[in-house]
Amino acid sequence: MQLAAAQLDAHLAKGLRTLYTVHGDEPLLVQEAADAIRAAGRAAGYTERSSFTVAGAHFDWSGVLAAGGSLSLFADRQLIEIRIPSGKPGKDGSTALQQIAENAAASDGTLTLVFLPRLDKMTKSGAWFGALDAHGVTLQVEPVERGALPQWIAQRLARQGQRVKAGEEGQRTLQFFADRVEGNLLAAHQEIQKLALLHPPGELGWEQVEAAVNNVARYDVFKLSDAVLSGNATRVARMLGGLQAEGEAAVLVHYTLAEDIRALKRVRDAMDAGRPLPMALRENRIWGPRERAFERVLPRLTPRALARLLRAAHVTDGIVKGLKQPDWPADPWQALQRLGLMTAKLCA
């Protein structure tokens, strides 16, 4: 049984299952989901807790299986947590997890909670994951995308009885907040809690938020594509500055920008050769949010504009590797700023 994170509270209110699998890479949301399941477990009498972390291919699963099959000396029911940071349990782990899933379905003496990172489609098609899903509840924790972050902040403020002002000022306040915490949801949660300590319930003004919220944003080079393809030049400039300050490798940033440009060129060429856009996107393995961005951007990009971008990416590649180019900045990060802003402008 698959659930979205937003459905968990309603599910737990109806009753607790004996097996839960939580997978995702957002620490705050994973922690909150786990805390909710643990709280429901304590209320149902699962008071003794054991925890196992699967480290390496030679992990001994016998201890996990023994814990799940033994009766507690101190409580009628027990909670067993299994963490698999790699997302790869291995051959022995696959067999063990299938047995654990079957045992959980047959007994209510043990509540089992399995933690996994974000999983790809192939991993989720494995027999062990299928057993966890078939005999329990699988909860996929999705990250909060940048476009949804202001609304997420507003919802979290509402939980503690606070809100921003209505209208344009409120939207500006939420956007400012989102800029300050982008890519760092745990820190965003802490900044929201700080506002509850500093100000009483009610309306928050721009000045109160601006004075209280620290700049704790962390930037992921692979999220740079979102900003570029959305045509948000301000965010592109901010992310590139943040990536430089965090010590990200300029060559990796260039690869991310250049790969988007090459992909746009390949799809545009396929369209010009008579391929329908959906087919051209599938052939070039473009899907998800990136697919929607390409669908919006490609009709407005001419072959000439894409050729110019491709040439700029080639020039920037040389600068990043130490070559000097006429009419271009010698500093790699300044060249990356120029390439990123040029691409964002054409995608706007």
C-alpha atoms as a PDB file:
ATOM      1  CA  MET A   1       0.000   0.000   0.000  1.00  0.00           C
ATOM      2  CA  GLN A   2       1.516   3.296  -1.088  1.00  0.00           C
ATOM      3  CA  LEU A   3       0.893   6.600   0.674  1.00  0.00           C
ATOM      4  CA  ALA A   4       1.977  10.181   0.100  1.00  0.00           C
ATOM      5  CA  ALA A   5       3.489  11.913   3.112  1.00  0.00           C
ATOM      6  CA  ALA A   6       0.488  14.262   3.326  1.00  0.00           C
ATOM      7  CA  GLN A   7      -1.829  11.259   3.792  1.00  0.00           C
ATOM      8  CA  LEU A   8       0.013   9.780   6.765  1.00  0.00           C
ATOM      9  CA  ASP A   9      -1.834  11.546   9.600  1.00  0.00           C
ATOM     10  CA  ALA A  10      -5.235  10.576   8.209  1.00  0.00           C
ATOM     11  CA  HIS A  11      -4.050   6.999   7.735  1.00  0.00           C
ATOM     12  CA  LEU A  12      -2.735   6.711  11.297  1.00  0.00           C
ATOM     13  CA  ALA A  13      -5.984   8.135  12.665  1.00  0.00           C
ATOM     14  CA  LYS A  14      -7.818   5.167  11.130  1.00  0.00           C
ATOM     15  CA  GLY A  15      -5.467   2.544  12.555  1.00  0.00           C
ATOM     16  CA  LEU A  16      -1.863   1.392  12.689  1.00  0.00           C
ATOM     17  CA  ARG A  17      -0.345  -1.252  10.390  1.00  0.00           C
ATOM     18  CA  THR A  18       2.573  -3.432  11.528  1.00  0.00           C
ATOM     19  CA  LEU A  19       5.005  -2.563   8.720  1.00  0.00           C
ATOM     20  CA  TYR A  20       6.020   0.830   7.322  1.00  0.00           C
ATOM     21  CA  THR A  21       8.676   1.673   4.752  1.00  0.00           C
ATOM     22  CA  VAL A  22       9.740   5.324   4.469  1.00  0.00           C
ATOM     23  CA  HIS A  23      11.907   6.272   1.497  1.00  0.00           C
ATOM     24  CA  GLY A  24      13.188   9.703   0.499  1.00  0.00           C
ATOM     25  CA  ASP A  25      16.112  12.101   0.843  1.00  0.00           C
ATOM     26  CA  GLU A  26      14.501  15.013   2.716  1.00  0.00           C
ATOM     27  CA  PRO A  27      15.686  14.573   6.355  1.00  0.00           C
ATOM     28  CA  LEU A  28      13.053  16.818   7.956  1.00  0.00           C
ATOM     29  CA  LEU A  29      10.077  15.146   6.285  1.00  0.00           C
ATOM     30  CA  VAL A  30      11.471  11.645   6.870  1.00  0.00           C
ATOM     31  CA  GLN A  31      12.008  12.492  10.532  1.00  0.00           C
ATOM     32  CA  GLU A  32       8.488  13.884  10.910  1.00  0.00           C
ATOM     33  CA  ALA A  33       6.946  10.818   9.261  1.00  0.00           C
ATOM     34  CA  ALA A  34       8.963   8.522  11.526  1.00  0.00           C
ATOM     35  CA  ASP A  35       7.992  10.507  14.631  1.00  0.00           C
ATOM     36  CA  ALA A  36       4.308  10.258  13.711  1.00  0.00           C
ATOM     37  CA  ILE A  37       4.532   6.471  13.263  1.00  0.00           C
ATOM     38  CA  ARG A  38       6.503   6.072  16.505  1.00  0.00           C
ATOM     39  CA  ALA A  39       3.936   8.138  18.418  1.00  0.00           C
ATOM     40  CA  ALA A  40       1.096   6.027  17.054  1.00  0.00           C
ATOM     41  CA  GLY A  41       3.107   2.915  17.953  1.00  0.00           C
ATOM     42  CA  ARG A  42       3.631   4.030  21.560  1.00  0.00           C
ATOM     43  CA  ALA A  43      -0.077   4.737  21.882  1.00  0.00           C
ATOM     44  CA  ALA A  44      -0.768   1.200  20.639  1.00  0.00           C
ATOM     45  CA  GLY A  45       1.627  -0.377  23.142  1.00  0.00           C
ATOM     46  CA  TYR A  46       4.816  -0.733  21.087  1.00  0.00           C
ATOM     47  CA  THR A  47       7.023   0.548  23.890  1.00  0.00           C
ATOM     48  CA  GLU A  48      10.341  -1.291  23.441  1.00  0.00           C
ATOM     49  CA  ARG A  49      12.510  -0.127  20.545  1.00  0.00           C
ATOM     50  CA  SER A  50      15.414  -1.767  18.699  1.00  0.00           C
ATOM     51  CA  SER A  51      17.359  -0.156  15.873  1.00  0.00           C
ATOM     52  CA  PHE A  52      19.593  -1.694  13.172  1.00  0.00           C
ATOM     53  CA  THR A  53      21.679   0.056  10.502  1.00  0.00           C
ATOM     54  CA  VAL A  54      22.613  -2.014   7.475  1.00  0.00           C
ATOM     55  CA  ALA A  55      26.245  -1.204   6.684  1.00  0.00           C
ATOM     56  CA  GLY A  56      27.978  -2.997   3.835  1.00  0.00           C
ATOM     57  CA  ALA A  57      27.218  -6.070   1.786  1.00  0.00           C
ATOM     58  CA  HIS A  58      28.225  -8.448   4.595  1.00  0.00           C
ATOM     59  CA  PHE A  59      25.747  -7.193   7.195  1.00  0.00           C
ATOM     60  CA  ASP A  60      24.484 -10.002   9.425  1.00  0.00           C
ATOM     61  CA  TRP A  61      20.701 -10.064   9.117  1.00  0.00           C
ATOM     62  CA  SER A  62      20.267 -12.835  11.679  1.00  0.00           C
ATOM     63  CA  GLY A  63      20.068 -10.316  14.517  1.00  0.00           C
ATOM     64  CA  VAL A  64      17.258  -8.432  12.782  1.00  0.00           C
ATOM     65  CA  LEU A  65      15.326 -11.612  12.091  1.00  0.00           C
ATOM     66  CA  ALA A  66      15.839 -12.826  15.656  1.00  0.00           C
ATOM     67  CA  ALA A  67      14.640  -9.514  17.102  1.00  0.00           C
ATOM     68  CA  GLY A  68      11.505  -9.628  15.011  1.00  0.00           C
ATOM     69  CA  GLY A  69      10.737 -13.171  16.015  1.00  0.00           C
ATOM     70  CA  SER A  70      11.415 -12.862  19.743  1.00  0.00           C
ATOM     71  CA  LEU A  71       9.082 -11.775  22.497  1.00  0.00           C
ATOM     72  CA  SER A  72      10.088  -8.753  24.552  1.00  0.00           C
ATOM     73  CA  LEU A  73      10.946  -9.306  28.219  1.00  0.00           C
ATOM     74  CA  PHE A  74       9.642  -5.891  29.203  1.00  0.00           C
ATOM     75  CA  ALA A  75       6.732  -5.137  26.882  1.00  0.00           C
ATOM     76  CA  ASP A  76       3.996  -6.977  25.055  1.00  0.00           C
ATOM     77  CA  ARG A  77       4.895  -5.223  21.811  1.00  0.00           C
ATOM     78  CA  GLN A  78       8.111  -3.888  20.313  1.00  0.00           C
ATOM     79  CA  LEU A  79       9.215  -1.471  17.588  1.00  0.00           C
ATOM     80  CA  ILE A  80      12.051  -2.505  15.281  1.00  0.00           C
ATOM     81  CA  GLU A  81      13.703   0.079  13.018  1.00  0.00           C
ATOM     82  CA  ILE A  82      15.865  -0.946  10.070  1.00  0.00           C
ATOM     83  CA  ARG A  83      17.938   1.702   8.289  1.00  0.00           C
ATOM     84  CA  ILE A  84      19.456   0.955   4.886  1.00  0.00           C
ATOM     85  CA  PRO A  85      21.364   4.160   3.944  1.00  0.00           C
ATOM     86  CA  SER A  86      22.581   2.778   0.609  1.00  0.00           C
ATOM     87  CA  GLY A  87      19.137   1.589  -0.474  1.00  0.00           C
ATOM     88  CA  LYS A  88      20.787  -1.712  -1.475  1.00  0.00           C
ATOM     89  CA  PRO A  89      20.121  -4.530   1.005  1.00  0.00           C
ATOM     90  CA  GLY A  90      22.047  -7.103  -1.045  1.00  0.00           C
ATOM     91  CA  LYS A  91      21.087 -10.706  -1.737  1.00  0.00           C
ATOM     92  CA  ASP A  92      20.847 -11.769   1.925  1.00  0.00           C
ATOM     93  CA  GLY A  93      19.028  -8.568   2.812  1.00  0.00           C
ATOM     94  CA  SER A  94      16.532  -9.052   0.008  1.00  0.00           C
ATOM     95  CA  THR A  95      15.638 -12.492   1.353  1.00  0.00           C
ATOM     96  CA  ALA A  96      15.509 -11.216   4.917  1.00  0.00           C
ATOM     97  CA  LEU A  97      13.266  -8.277   4.071  1.00  0.00           C
ATOM     98  CA  GLN A  98      10.821 -10.531   2.275  1.00  0.00           C
ATOM     99  CA  GLN A  99      10.676 -12.750   5.356  1.00  0.00           C
ATOM    100  CA  ILE A 100      10.280  -9.721   7.640  1.00  0.00           C
ATOM    101  CA  ALA A 101       7.414  -8.446   5.481  1.00  0.00           C
ATOM    102  CA  GLU A 102       5.632 -11.799   5.596  1.00  0.00           C
ATOM    103  CA  ASN A 103       6.128 -12.095   9.376  1.00  0.00           C
ATOM    104  CA  ALA A 104       4.800  -8.556   9.929  1.00  0.00           C
ATOM    105  CA  ALA A 105       1.601  -9.405   8.104  1.00  0.00           C
ATOM    106  CA  ALA A 106       1.060 -12.472  10.297  1.00  0.00           C
ATOM    107  CA  SER A 107       1.702 -10.940  13.733  1.00  0.00           C
ATOM    108  CA  ASP A 108       0.846  -7.729  15.567  1.00  0.00           C
ATOM    109  CA  GLY A 109       3.485  -8.170  18.272  1.00  0.00           C
ATOM    110  CA  THR A 110       6.117  -6.220  16.323  1.00  0.00           C
ATOM    111  CA  LEU A 111       5.899  -2.892  14.536  1.00  0.00           C
ATOM    112  CA  THR A 112       8.617  -2.693  11.865  1.00  0.00           C
ATOM    113  CA  LEU A 113       9.832   0.582  10.380  1.00  0.00           C
ATOM    114  CA  VAL A 114      12.224   0.478   7.398  1.00  0.00           C
ATOM    115  CA  PHE A 115      14.128   3.608   6.299  1.00  0.00           C
ATOM    116  CA  LEU A 116      15.525   3.950   2.777  1.00  0.00           C
ATOM    117  CA  PRO A 117      16.910   6.814   0.665  1.00  0.00           C
ATOM    118  CA  ARG A 118      15.200   7.944  -2.506  1.00  0.00           C
ATOM    119  CA  LEU A 119      14.816   4.913  -4.759  1.00  0.00           C
ATOM    120  CA  ASP A 120      14.928   4.634  -8.513  1.00  0.00           C
ATOM    121  CA  LYS A 121      12.324   2.790 -10.563  1.00  0.00           C
ATOM    122  CA  MET A 122      14.448  -0.341 -10.931  1.00  0.00           C
ATOM    123  CA  THR A 123      15.003  -0.682  -7.173  1.00  0.00           C
ATOM    124  CA  LYS A 124      11.286  -0.261  -6.493  1.00  0.00           C
ATOM    125  CA  SER A 125      10.571  -3.102  -8.914  1.00  0.00           C
ATOM    126  CA  GLY A 126      12.696  -5.522  -6.845  1.00  0.00           C
ATOM    127  CA  ALA A 127      11.121  -8.467  -5.020  1.00  0.00           C
ATOM    128  CA  TRP A 128      12.131  -7.223  -1.561  1.00  0.00           C
ATOM    129  CA  PHE A 129      10.554  -3.791  -2.055  1.00  0.00           C
ATOM    130  CA  GLY A 130       7.472  -5.399  -3.576  1.00  0.00           C
ATOM    131  CA  ALA A 131       7.113  -7.549  -0.451  1.00  0.00           C
ATOM    132  CA  LEU A 132       7.394  -4.501   1.830  1.00  0.00           C
ATOM    133  CA  ASP A 133       4.741  -2.722  -0.212  1.00  0.00           C
ATOM    134  CA  ALA A 134       2.429  -5.735  -0.432  1.00  0.00           C
ATOM    135  CA  HIS A 135       2.480  -6.540   3.289  1.00  0.00           C
ATOM    136  CA  GLY A 136       2.702  -3.023   4.708  1.00  0.00           C
ATOM    137  CA  VAL A 137       2.616   0.681   3.909  1.00  0.00           C
ATOM    138  CA  THR A 138       5.264   2.401   1.779  1.00  0.00           C
ATOM    139  CA  LEU A 139       5.602   6.136   2.233  1.00  0.00           C
ATOM    140  CA  GLN A 140       7.458   8.069  -0.459  1.00  0.00           C
ATOM    141  CA  VAL A 141       8.749  11.362   0.935  1.00  0.00           C
ATOM    142  CA  GLU A 142       9.076  13.889  -1.885  1.00  0.00           C
ATOM    143  CA  PRO A 143      11.193  17.035  -1.536  1.00  0.00           C
ATOM    144  CA  VAL A 144       9.479  20.418  -1.493  1.00  0.00           C
ATOM    145  CA  GLU A 145      10.260  21.969  -4.861  1.00  0.00           C
ATOM    146  CA  ARG A 146      11.294  25.606  -5.040  1.00  0.00           C
ATOM    147  CA  GLY A 147       8.001  26.736  -6.565  1.00  0.00           C
ATOM    148  CA  ALA A 148       6.027  25.164  -3.713  1.00  0.00           C
ATOM    149  CA  LEU A 149       8.310  26.431  -0.939  1.00  0.00           C
ATOM    150  CA  PRO A 150       6.488  29.742  -0.185  1.00  0.00           C
ATOM    151  CA  GLN A 151       3.192  27.884   0.277  1.00  0.00           C
ATOM    152  CA  TRP A 152       4.917  25.279   2.455  1.00  0.00           C
ATOM    153  CA  ILE A 153       6.317  28.057   4.642  1.00  0.00           C
ATOM    154  CA  ALA A 154       2.867  29.660   4.909  1.00  0.00           C
ATOM    155  CA  GLN A 155       1.353  26.331   5.991  1.00  0.00           C
ATOM    156  CA  ARG A 156       4.037  25.823   8.639  1.00  0.00           C
ATOM    157  CA  LEU A 157       3.503  29.333   9.964  1.00  0.00           C
ATOM    158  CA  ALA A 158      -0.242  28.653  10.152  1.00  0.00           C
ATOM    159  CA  ARG A 159       0.424  25.605  12.345  1.00  0.00           C
ATOM    160  CA  GLN A 160       1.875  27.901  14.999  1.00  0.00           C
ATOM    161  CA  GLY A 161      -0.825  30.531  14.595  1.00  0.00           C
ATOM    162  CA  GLN A 162       1.160  32.970  12.466  1.00  0.00           C
ATOM    163  CA  ARG A 163       0.655  34.375   8.984  1.00  0.00           C
ATOM    164  CA  VAL A 164       2.147  36.960   6.662  1.00  0.00           C
ATOM    165  CA  LYS A 165       0.223  40.015   5.561  1.00  0.00           C
ATOM    166  CA  ALA A 166      -2.310  39.613   2.794  1.00  0.00           C
ATOM    167  CA  GLY A 167      -1.638  40.716  -0.754  1.00  0.00           C
ATOM    168  CA  GLU A 168       1.583  41.640  -2.474  1.00  0.00           C
ATOM    169  CA  GLU A 169       3.558  42.360   0.697  1.00  0.00           C
ATOM    170  CA  GLY A 170       2.776  38.900   2.067  1.00  0.00           C
ATOM    171  CA  GLN A 171       3.802  37.201  -1.158  1.00  0.00           C
ATOM    172  CA  ARG A 172       7.027  39.219  -1.194  1.00  0.00           C
ATOM    173  CA  THR A 173       7.700  38.163   2.396  1.00  0.00           C
ATOM    174  CA  LEU A 174       7.205  34.476   1.579  1.00  0.00           C
ATOM    175  CA  GLN A 175       9.433  34.717  -1.488  1.00  0.00           C
ATOM    176  CA  PHE A 176      12.139  36.390   0.598  1.00  0.00           C
ATOM    177  CA  PHE A 177      11.824  33.627   3.205  1.00  0.00           C
ATOM    178  CA  ALA A 178      12.059  30.952   0.483  1.00  0.00           C
ATOM    179  CA  ASP A 179      15.180  32.567  -0.989  1.00  0.00           C
ATOM    180  CA  ARG A 180      16.842  32.512   2.434  1.00  0.00           C
ATOM    181  CA  VAL A 181      16.193  28.811   3.108  1.00  0.00           C
ATOM    182  CA  GLU A 182      16.177  27.225  -0.361  1.00  0.00           C
ATOM    183  CA  GLY A 183      17.570  23.690  -0.398  1.00  0.00           C
ATOM    184  CA  ASN A 184      17.708  23.446   3.405  1.00  0.00           C
ATOM    185  CA  LEU A 185      14.300  22.369   4.677  1.00  0.00           C
ATOM    186  CA  LEU A 186      15.532  21.430   8.137  1.00  0.00           C
ATOM    187  CA  ALA A 187      16.945  24.925   8.608  1.00  0.00           C
ATOM    188  CA  ALA A 188      13.706  26.380   7.204  1.00  0.00           C
ATOM    189  CA  HIS A 189      11.794  24.502   9.919  1.00  0.00           C
ATOM    190  CA  GLN A 190      14.132  25.933  12.557  1.00  0.00           C
ATOM    191  CA  GLU A 191      13.719  29.467  11.230  1.00  0.00           C
ATOM    192  CA  ILE A 192       9.928  29.089  11.342  1.00  0.00           C
ATOM    193  CA  GLN A 193      10.148  27.882  14.946  1.00  0.00           C
ATOM    194  CA  LYS A 194      12.340  30.883  15.736  1.00  0.00           C
ATOM    195  CA  LEU A 195       9.558  33.208  14.579  1.00  0.00           C
ATOM    196  CA  ALA A 196       7.201  31.496  17.037  1.00  0.00           C
ATOM    197  CA  LEU A 197       9.645  32.259  19.849  1.00  0.00           C
ATOM    198  CA  LEU A 198      10.226  35.870  18.803  1.00  0.00           C
ATOM    199  CA  HIS A 199       6.660  36.913  17.973  1.00  0.00           C
ATOM    200  CA  PRO A 200       3.186  36.066  19.304  1.00  0.00           C
ATOM    201  CA  PRO A 201       0.530  34.401  17.155  1.00  0.00           C
ATOM    202  CA  GLY A 202      -0.933  36.671  14.525  1.00  0.00           C
ATOM    203  CA  GLU A 203       0.305  38.626  11.543  1.00  0.00           C
ATOM    204  CA  LEU A 204       3.990  38.958  10.665  1.00  0.00           C
ATOM    205  CA  GLY A 205       5.287  41.962   8.759  1.00  0.00           C
ATOM    206  CA  TRP A 206       8.125  42.050   6.243  1.00  0.00           C
ATOM    207  CA  GLU A 207      10.462  43.756   8.710  1.00  0.00           C
ATOM    208  CA  GLN A 208       9.907  41.083  11.383  1.00  0.00           C
ATOM    209  CA  VAL A 209      10.664  38.241   8.979  1.00  0.00           C
ATOM    210  CA  GLU A 210      13.619  40.012   7.384  1.00  0.00           C
ATOM    211  CA  ALA A 211      15.194  40.696  10.785  1.00  0.00           C
ATOM    212  CA  ALA A 212      14.685  37.161  12.085  1.00  0.00           C
ATOM    213  CA  VAL A 213      15.389  34.759   9.219  1.00  0.00           C
ATOM    214  CA  ASN A 214      19.032  33.907   8.589  1.00  0.00           C
ATOM    215  CA  ASN A 215      20.430  33.132   5.179  1.00  0.00           C
ATOM    216  CA  VAL A 216      20.739  29.343   5.461  1.00  0.00           C
ATOM    217  CA  ALA A 217      20.140  28.424   1.818  1.00  0.00           C
ATOM    218  CA  ARG A 218      22.066  25.516   0.364  1.00  0.00           C
ATOM    219  CA  TYR A 219      22.256  25.044  -3.363  1.00  0.00           C
ATOM    220  CA  ASP A 220      22.284  21.799  -5.291  1.00  0.00           C
ATOM    221  CA  VAL A 221      24.044  22.011  -8.636  1.00  0.00           C
ATOM    222  CA  PHE A 222      21.489  19.627 -10.125  1.00  0.00           C
ATOM    223  CA  LYS A 223      18.667  22.015  -9.163  1.00  0.00           C
ATOM    224  CA  LEU A 224      20.379  24.728 -11.207  1.00  0.00           C
ATOM    225  CA  SER A 225      18.562  23.364 -14.275  1.00  0.00           C
ATOM    226  CA  ASP A 226      15.204  24.255 -12.718  1.00  0.00           C
ATOM    227  CA  ALA A 227      16.205  27.894 -12.328  1.00  0.00           C
ATOM    228  CA  VAL A 228      17.752  28.164 -15.803  1.00  0.00           C
ATOM    229  CA  LEU A 229      14.902  26.461 -17.666  1.00  0.00           C
ATOM    230  CA  SER A 230      12.304  28.523 -15.788  1.00  0.00           C
ATOM    231  CA  GLY A 231      14.049  31.681 -17.027  1.00  0.00           C
ATOM    232  CA  ASN A 232      14.544  33.012 -13.482  1.00  0.00           C
ATOM    233  CA  ALA A 233      17.728  35.031 -13.981  1.00  0.00           C
ATOM    234  CA  THR A 234      17.775  36.379 -10.417  1.00  0.00           C
ATOM    235  CA  ARG A 235      17.642  32.885  -8.951  1.00  0.00           C
ATOM    236  CA  VAL A 236      20.283  31.639 -11.416  1.00  0.00           C
ATOM    237  CA  ALA A 237      22.687  34.384 -10.340  1.00  0.00           C
ATOM    238  CA  ARG A 238      21.995  33.694  -6.649  1.00  0.00           C
ATOM    239  CA  MET A 239      22.476  29.938  -7.045  1.00  0.00           C
ATOM    240  CA  LEU A 240      25.731  30.317  -8.949  1.00  0.00           C
ATOM    241  CA  GLY A 241      27.051  32.682  -6.275  1.00  0.00           C
ATOM    242  CA  GLY A 242      25.986  30.233  -3.580  1.00  0.00           C
ATOM    243  CA  LEU A 243      27.569  27.251  -5.348  1.00  0.00           C
ATOM    244  CA  GLN A 244      30.843  29.152  -5.686  1.00  0.00           C
ATOM    245  CA  ALA A 245      30.780  30.117  -2.000  1.00  0.00           C
ATOM    246  CA  GLU A 246      30.109  26.489  -1.012  1.00  0.00           C
ATOM    247  CA  GLY A 247      33.171  25.328  -2.949  1.00  0.00           C
ATOM    248  CA  GLU A 248      31.366  23.465  -5.720  1.00  0.00           C
ATOM    249  CA  ALA A 249      33.581  22.443  -8.646  1.00  0.00           C
ATOM    250  CA  ALA A 250      33.216  24.833 -11.574  1.00  0.00           C
ATOM    251  CA  VAL A 251      33.578  21.932 -14.018  1.00  0.00           C
ATOM    252  CA  LEU A 252      30.483  20.216 -12.543  1.00  0.00           C
ATOM    253  CA  VAL A 253      28.453  23.420 -12.764  1.00  0.00           C
ATOM    254  CA  HIS A 254      29.515  23.839 -16.389  1.00  0.00           C
ATOM    255  CA  TYR A 255      28.547  20.257 -17.156  1.00  0.00           C
ATOM    256  CA  THR A 256      25.054  20.865 -15.739  1.00  0.00           C
ATOM    257  CA  LEU A 257      24.521  24.007 -17.810  1.00  0.00           C
ATOM    258  CA  ALA A 258      26.046  22.534 -20.957  1.00  0.00           C
ATOM    259  CA  GLU A 259      24.048  19.292 -20.705  1.00  0.00           C
ATOM    260  CA  ASP A 260      20.785  21.250 -20.669  1.00  0.00           C
ATOM    261  CA  ILE A 261      21.887  23.229 -23.712  1.00  0.00           C
ATOM    262  CA  ARG A 262      22.934  20.068 -25.581  1.00  0.00           C
ATOM    263  CA  ALA A 263      19.639  18.366 -24.690  1.00  0.00           C
ATOM    264  CA  LEU A 264      17.631  21.351 -25.911  1.00  0.00           C
ATOM    265  CA  LYS A 265      19.600  21.298 -29.179  1.00  0.00           C
ATOM    266  CA  ARG A 266      19.068  17.549 -29.679  1.00  0.00           C
ATOM    267  CA  VAL A 267      15.334  17.771 -29.117  1.00  0.00           C
ATOM    268  CA  ARG A 268      15.011  20.865 -31.318  1.00  0.00           C
ATOM    269  CA  ASP A 269      16.903  19.089 -34.121  1.00  0.00           C
ATOM    270  CA  ALA A 270      14.605  16.072 -33.779  1.00  0.00           C
ATOM    271  CA  MET A 271      11.554  18.334 -34.002  1.00  0.00           C
ATOM    272  CA  ASP A 272      12.957  20.047 -37.080  1.00  0.00           C
ATOM    273  CA  ALA A 273      13.461  16.584 -38.622  1.00  0.00           C
ATOM    274  CA  GLY A 274       9.737  15.891 -38.219  1.00  0.00           C
ATOM    275  CA  ARG A 275       9.616  14.163 -34.822  1.00  0.00           C
ATOM    276  CA  PRO A 276       6.639  15.090 -32.604  1.00  0.00           C
ATOM    277  CA  LEU A 277       7.783  16.830 -29.432  1.00  0.00           C
ATOM    278  CA  PRO A 278       6.613  14.055 -27.028  1.00  0.00           C
ATOM    279  CA  MET A 279       8.516  11.447 -29.051  1.00  0.00           C
ATOM    280  CA  ALA A 280      11.646  13.604 -29.252  1.00  0.00           C
ATOM    281  CA  LEU A 281      11.574  14.091 -25.474  1.00  0.00           C
ATOM    282  CA  ARG A 282      11.195  10.360 -24.792  1.00  0.00           C
ATOM    283  CA  GLU A 283      14.028   9.493 -27.177  1.00  0.00           C
ATOM    284  CA  ASN A 284      16.305  11.906 -25.329  1.00  0.00           C
ATOM    285  CA  ARG A 285      15.235  10.626 -21.879  1.00  0.00           C
ATOM    286  CA  ILE A 286      13.642  13.900 -20.818  1.00  0.00           C
ATOM    287  CA  TRP A 287      10.801  13.406 -18.333  1.00  0.00           C
ATOM    288  CA  GLY A 288       9.208  14.702 -15.146  1.00  0.00           C
ATOM    289  CA  PRO A 289       9.546  18.401 -14.286  1.00  0.00           C
ATOM    290  CA  ARG A 290      12.326  18.727 -16.856  1.00  0.00           C
ATOM    291  CA  GLU A 291       9.960  17.472 -19.569  1.00  0.00           C
ATOM    292  CA  ARG A 292       7.410  20.169 -18.700  1.00  0.00           C
ATOM    293  CA  ALA A 293      10.121  22.826 -18.792  1.00  0.00           C
ATOM    294  CA  PHE A 294      11.307  21.637 -22.222  1.00  0.00           C
ATOM    295  CA  GLU A 295       7.725  21.675 -23.542  1.00  0.00           C
ATOM    296  CA  ARG A 296       7.391  25.300 -22.471  1.00  0.00           C
ATOM    297  CA  VAL A 297      10.782  26.487 -23.700  1.00  0.00           C
ATOM    298  CA  LEU A 298      11.443  24.660 -26.975  1.00  0.00           C
ATOM    299  CA  PRO A 299       8.770  26.276 -29.167  1.00  0.00           C
ATOM    300  CA  ARG A 300      10.369  29.672 -28.582  1.00  0.00           C
ATOM    301  CA  LEU A 301      14.004  28.611 -29.136  1.00  0.00           C
ATOM    302  CA  THR A 302      15.237  29.004 -32.699  1.00  0.00           C
ATOM    303  CA  PRO A 303      18.048  26.870 -34.166  1.00  0.00           C
ATOM    304  CA  ARG A 304      20.150  30.032 -34.375  1.00  0.00           C
ATOM    305  CA  ALA A 305      19.674  30.824 -30.683  1.00  0.00           C
ATOM    306  CA  LEU A 306      20.552  27.262 -29.696  1.00  0.00           C
ATOM    307  CA  ALA A 307      23.667  27.318 -31.880  1.00  0.00           C
ATOM    308  CA  ARG A 308      24.722  30.519 -30.106  1.00  0.00           C
ATOM    309  CA  LEU A 309      24.182  28.892 -26.700  1.00  0.00           C
ATOM    310  CA  LEU A 310      26.134  25.802 -27.772  1.00  0.00           C
ATOM    311  CA  ARG A 311      29.026  27.992 -28.860  1.00  0.00           C
ATOM    312  CA  ALA A 312      28.918  29.877 -25.535  1.00  0.00           C
ATOM    313  CA  ALA A 313      28.983  26.579 -23.634  1.00  0.00           C
ATOM    314  CA  HIS A 314      32.057  25.511 -25.633  1.00  0.00           C
ATOM    315  CA  VAL A 315      33.806  28.806 -24.865  1.00  0.00           C
ATOM    316  CA  THR A 316      32.961  28.513 -21.153  1.00  0.00           C
ATOM    317  CA  ASP A 317      34.320  24.964 -21.106  1.00  0.00           C
ATOM    318  CA  GLY A 318      37.691  26.295 -22.233  1.00  0.00           C
ATOM    319  CA  ILE A 319      37.671  29.063 -19.610  1.00  0.00           C
ATOM    320  CA  VAL A 320      36.831  26.586 -16.832  1.00  0.00           C
ATOM    321  CA  LYS A 321      39.840  24.521 -17.987  1.00  0.00           C
ATOM    322  CA  GLY A 322      42.187  27.511 -17.905  1.00  0.00           C
ATOM    323  CA  LEU A 323      42.035  28.853 -21.453  1.00  0.00           C
ATOM    324  CA  LYS A 324      41.489  32.532 -22.234  1.00  0.00           C
ATOM    325  CA  GLN A 325      38.836  33.599 -24.695  1.00  0.00           C
ATOM    326  CA  PRO A 326      38.466  37.003 -26.388  1.00  0.00           C
ATOM    327  CA  ASP A 327      35.537  39.111 -25.110  1.00  0.00           C
ATOM    328  CA  TRP A 328      34.874  36.689 -22.260  1.00  0.00           C
ATOM    329  CA  PRO A 329      35.835  37.014 -18.570  1.00  0.00           C
ATOM    330  CA  ALA A 330      38.927  35.048 -17.563  1.00  0.00           C
ATOM    331  CA  ASP A 331      37.416  34.012 -14.227  1.00  0.00           C
ATOM    332  CA  PRO A 332      35.558  30.655 -14.564  1.00  0.00           C
ATOM    333  CA  TRP A 333      32.699  31.671 -12.266  1.00  0.00           C
ATOM    334  CA  GLN A 334      32.128  34.946 -14.102  1.00  0.00           C
ATOM    335  CA  ALA A 335      32.007  32.963 -17.349  1.00  0.00           C
ATOM    336  CA  LEU A 336      29.508  30.531 -15.779  1.00  0.00           C
ATOM    337  CA  GLN A 337      27.377  33.490 -14.666  1.00  0.00           C
ATOM    338  CA  ARG A 338      27.377  34.811 -18.213  1.00  0.00           C
ATOM    339  CA  LEU A 339      26.446  31.416 -19.694  1.00  0.00           C
ATOM    340  CA  GLY A 340      23.745  30.771 -17.091  1.00  0.00           C
ATOM    341  CA  LEU A 341      22.135  34.189 -17.475  1.00  0.00           C
ATOM    342  CA  MET A 342      22.303  33.995 -21.274  1.00  0.00           C
ATOM    343  CA  THR A 343      20.474  30.652 -21.198  1.00  0.00           C
ATOM    344  CA  ALA A 344      17.913  31.816 -18.630  1.00  0.00           C
ATOM    345  CA  LYS A 345      17.147  34.921 -20.686  1.00  0.00           C
ATOM    346  CA  LEU A 346      16.344  32.822 -23.746  1.00  0.00           C
ATOM    347  CA  CYS A 347      14.175  30.482 -21.641  1.00  0.00           C
ATOM    348  CA  ALA A 348      12.205  33.280 -19.983  1.00  0.00           C
END
